Amino acid sequence: MESKGIKGIFKRALPFLGTFALGLFIASFFVDIGPQRFRGHRGKRHNEVQRLRNEVEQLKNENLRLQNELDNHDWTSHAGRMRDFEHETWTGSELPLMPPPAPAAPIAPTVE
């Protein structure tokens, strides 16, 4: 009686295991199915984080420098120049040219 139970398990398990092994064999041509090696990834990640921190620090410093430059800039001379610019008369040669008109669309032939 017990041999029928073991035979039944083999009858069901053997095709499953065979199909599974065949699937792994075929997959091994397309994907590396071996154990993953994560050595070196931690060091690369650490270096990338460190590089990003340095870049952020440089951007903060540049932001502060530009903000200080704006705060310390003498804007009164620019205001006078802008007033003069607004009252200038423009001649036709200084104005931007209008783009040429678009070409006419081709007419599709008709089938009679």
C-alpha atoms as a PDB file:
ATOM      1  CA  MET A   1       0.000   0.000   0.000  1.00  0.00           C
ATOM      2  CA  GLU A   2       2.813   2.283   0.890  1.00  0.00           C
ATOM      3  CA  SER A   3       4.587   1.700  -2.432  1.00  0.00           C
ATOM      4  CA  LYS A   4       1.562   3.107  -4.325  1.00  0.00           C
ATOM      5  CA  GLY A   5       1.859   6.355  -2.341  1.00  0.00           C
ATOM      6  CA  ILE A   6       5.548   6.712  -3.125  1.00  0.00           C
ATOM      7  CA  LYS A   7       4.912   5.854  -6.788  1.00  0.00           C
ATOM      8  CA  GLY A   8       2.232   8.554  -6.931  1.00  0.00           C
ATOM      9  CA  ILE A   9       4.607  11.148  -5.520  1.00  0.00           C
ATOM     10  CA  PHE A  10       7.292  10.193  -8.052  1.00  0.00           C
ATOM     11  CA  LYS A  11       4.757  10.282 -10.890  1.00  0.00           C
ATOM     12  CA  ARG A  12       3.815  13.844  -9.971  1.00  0.00           C
ATOM     13  CA  ALA A  13       7.154  15.161  -8.742  1.00  0.00           C
ATOM     14  CA  LEU A  14       9.352  13.784 -11.542  1.00  0.00           C
ATOM     15  CA  PRO A  15       7.664  15.723 -14.385  1.00  0.00           C
ATOM     16  CA  PHE A  16       7.633  18.860 -12.224  1.00  0.00           C
ATOM     17  CA  LEU A  17      11.330  18.584 -11.349  1.00  0.00           C
ATOM     18  CA  GLY A  18      12.221  17.780 -14.960  1.00  0.00           C
ATOM     19  CA  THR A  19      10.308  20.789 -16.263  1.00  0.00           C
ATOM     20  CA  PHE A  20      11.834  22.999 -13.573  1.00  0.00           C
ATOM     21  CA  ALA A  21      15.369  21.830 -14.435  1.00  0.00           C
ATOM     22  CA  LEU A  22      14.721  22.362 -18.152  1.00  0.00           C
ATOM     23  CA  GLY A  23      13.388  25.875 -17.431  1.00  0.00           C
ATOM     24  CA  LEU A  24      16.492  26.748 -15.389  1.00  0.00           C
ATOM     25  CA  PHE A  25      18.712  25.397 -18.148  1.00  0.00           C
ATOM     26  CA  ILE A  26      17.010  27.541 -20.791  1.00  0.00           C
ATOM     27  CA  ALA A  27      16.957  30.610 -18.504  1.00  0.00           C
ATOM     28  CA  SER A  28      20.692  30.247 -17.857  1.00  0.00           C
ATOM     29  CA  PHE A  29      21.346  31.265 -21.480  1.00  0.00           C
ATOM     30  CA  PHE A  30      19.650  34.644 -20.915  1.00  0.00           C
ATOM     31  CA  VAL A  31      20.124  35.423 -17.209  1.00  0.00           C
ATOM     32  CA  ASP A  32      22.875  34.762 -14.690  1.00  0.00           C
ATOM     33  CA  ILE A  33      21.146  32.444 -12.218  1.00  0.00           C
ATOM     34  CA  GLY A  34      24.175  31.988  -9.966  1.00  0.00           C
ATOM     35  CA  PRO A  35      24.435  33.519  -6.502  1.00  0.00           C
ATOM     36  CA  GLN A  36      24.837  37.292  -6.571  1.00  0.00           C
ATOM     37  CA  ARG A  37      28.089  38.814  -5.397  1.00  0.00           C
ATOM     38  CA  PHE A  38      27.589  42.166  -3.738  1.00  0.00           C
ATOM     39  CA  ARG A  39      31.211  42.865  -2.892  1.00  0.00           C
ATOM     40  CA  GLY A  40      32.275  46.244  -4.097  1.00  0.00           C
ATOM     41  CA  HIS A  41      28.725  47.562  -4.459  1.00  0.00           C
ATOM     42  CA  ARG A  42      28.816  49.049  -0.980  1.00  0.00           C
ATOM     43  CA  GLY A  43      32.033  50.900  -1.786  1.00  0.00           C
ATOM     44  CA  LYS A  44      30.627  52.199  -5.075  1.00  0.00           C
ATOM     45  CA  ARG A  45      27.456  53.350  -3.363  1.00  0.00           C
ATOM     46  CA  HIS A  46      29.480  55.080  -0.632  1.00  0.00           C
ATOM     47  CA  ASN A  47      31.608  56.863  -3.230  1.00  0.00           C
ATOM     48  CA  GLU A  48      28.512  57.976  -5.153  1.00  0.00           C
ATOM     49  CA  VAL A  49      26.868  59.340  -1.979  1.00  0.00           C
ATOM     50  CA  GLN A  50      30.086  61.145  -1.063  1.00  0.00           C
ATOM     51  CA  ARG A  51      30.334  62.649  -4.556  1.00  0.00           C
ATOM     52  CA  LEU A  52      26.717  63.846  -4.373  1.00  0.00           C
ATOM     53  CA  ARG A  53      27.309  65.402  -0.933  1.00  0.00           C
ATOM     54  CA  ASN A  54      30.342  67.268  -2.256  1.00  0.00           C
ATOM     55  CA  GLU A  55      28.348  68.470  -5.273  1.00  0.00           C
ATOM     56  CA  VAL A  56      25.509  69.706  -3.039  1.00  0.00           C
ATOM     57  CA  GLU A  57      28.033  71.529  -0.818  1.00  0.00           C
ATOM     58  CA  GLN A  58      29.601  73.210  -3.863  1.00  0.00           C
ATOM     59  CA  LEU A  59      26.167  74.279  -5.125  1.00  0.00           C
ATOM     60  CA  LYS A  60      25.270  75.719  -1.711  1.00  0.00           C
ATOM     61  CA  ASN A  61      28.523  77.698  -1.664  1.00  0.00           C
ATOM     62  CA  GLU A  62      27.927  79.002  -5.183  1.00  0.00           C
ATOM     63  CA  ASN A  63      24.370  79.954  -4.228  1.00  0.00           C
ATOM     64  CA  LEU A  64      25.629  81.921  -1.215  1.00  0.00           C
ATOM     65  CA  ARG A  65      28.307  83.633  -3.323  1.00  0.00           C
ATOM     66  CA  LEU A  66      25.755  84.682  -5.957  1.00  0.00           C
ATOM     67  CA  GLN A  67      23.304  85.848  -3.272  1.00  0.00           C
ATOM     68  CA  ASN A  68      26.037  87.977  -1.666  1.00  0.00           C
ATOM     69  CA  GLU A  69      26.956  89.371  -5.077  1.00  0.00           C
ATOM     70  CA  LEU A  70      23.309  90.352  -5.673  1.00  0.00           C
ATOM     71  CA  ASP A  71      22.964  91.877  -2.208  1.00  0.00           C
ATOM     72  CA  ASN A  72      26.152  93.952  -2.560  1.00  0.00           C
ATOM     73  CA  HIS A  73      25.504  95.115  -6.124  1.00  0.00           C
ATOM     74  CA  ASP A  74      24.810  98.789  -6.855  1.00  0.00           C
ATOM     75  CA  TRP A  75      21.437  98.787  -8.573  1.00  0.00           C
ATOM     76  CA  THR A  76      21.034 102.579  -8.864  1.00  0.00           C
ATOM     77  CA  SER A  77      23.254 102.820 -11.943  1.00  0.00           C
ATOM     78  CA  HIS A  78      21.244 100.086 -13.666  1.00  0.00           C
ATOM     79  CA  ALA A  79      17.941 101.821 -12.970  1.00  0.00           C
ATOM     80  CA  GLY A  80      19.148 104.950 -14.777  1.00  0.00           C
ATOM     81  CA  ARG A  81      20.310 102.921 -17.782  1.00  0.00           C
ATOM     82  CA  MET A  82      16.988 101.083 -17.959  1.00  0.00           C
ATOM     83  CA  ARG A  83      15.091 104.407 -17.986  1.00  0.00           C
ATOM     84  CA  ASP A  84      17.233 105.609 -20.904  1.00  0.00           C
ATOM     85  CA  PHE A  85      16.698 102.325 -22.717  1.00  0.00           C
ATOM     86  CA  GLU A  86      12.907 102.592 -22.444  1.00  0.00           C
ATOM     87  CA  HIS A  87      12.885 106.076 -24.022  1.00  0.00           C
ATOM     88  CA  GLU A  88      15.132 105.258 -26.974  1.00  0.00           C
ATOM     89  CA  THR A  89      13.636 105.375 -30.440  1.00  0.00           C
ATOM     90  CA  TRP A  90      14.061 102.311 -32.547  1.00  0.00           C
ATOM     91  CA  THR A  91      14.811 102.476 -36.235  1.00  0.00           C
ATOM     92  CA  GLY A  92      13.618  99.902 -38.710  1.00  0.00           C
ATOM     93  CA  SER A  93      17.063  98.336 -39.124  1.00  0.00           C
ATOM     94  CA  GLU A  94      17.272  97.480 -35.404  1.00  0.00           C
ATOM     95  CA  LEU A  95      13.924  95.745 -35.258  1.00  0.00           C
ATOM     96  CA  PRO A  96      13.908  91.957 -35.675  1.00  0.00           C
ATOM     97  CA  LEU A  97      12.837  90.782 -39.102  1.00  0.00           C
ATOM     98  CA  MET A  98       9.562  88.937 -39.533  1.00  0.00           C
ATOM     99  CA  PRO A  99       9.916  85.333 -40.670  1.00  0.00           C
ATOM    100  CA  PRO A 100       9.026  84.639 -44.292  1.00  0.00           C
ATOM    101  CA  PRO A 101       5.540  83.264 -44.970  1.00  0.00           C
ATOM    102  CA  ALA A 102       5.122  79.495 -44.998  1.00  0.00           C
ATOM    103  CA  PRO A 103       5.167  77.841 -48.429  1.00  0.00           C
ATOM    104  CA  ALA A 104       1.844  76.831 -49.906  1.00  0.00           C
ATOM    105  CA  ALA A 105       0.776  73.284 -49.128  1.00  0.00           C
ATOM    106  CA  PRO A 106       1.036  70.894 -52.087  1.00  0.00           C
ATOM    107  CA  ILE A 107      -2.240  69.764 -53.610  1.00  0.00           C
ATOM    108  CA  ALA A 108      -2.807  66.024 -53.507  1.00  0.00           C
ATOM    109  CA  PRO A 109      -3.613  64.402 -56.871  1.00  0.00           C
ATOM    110  CA  THR A 110      -7.151  63.200 -57.288  1.00  0.00           C
ATOM    111  CA  VAL A 111      -8.075  59.753 -58.523  1.00  0.00           C
ATOM    112  CA  GLU A 112     -10.805  59.652 -61.136  1.00  0.00           C
END
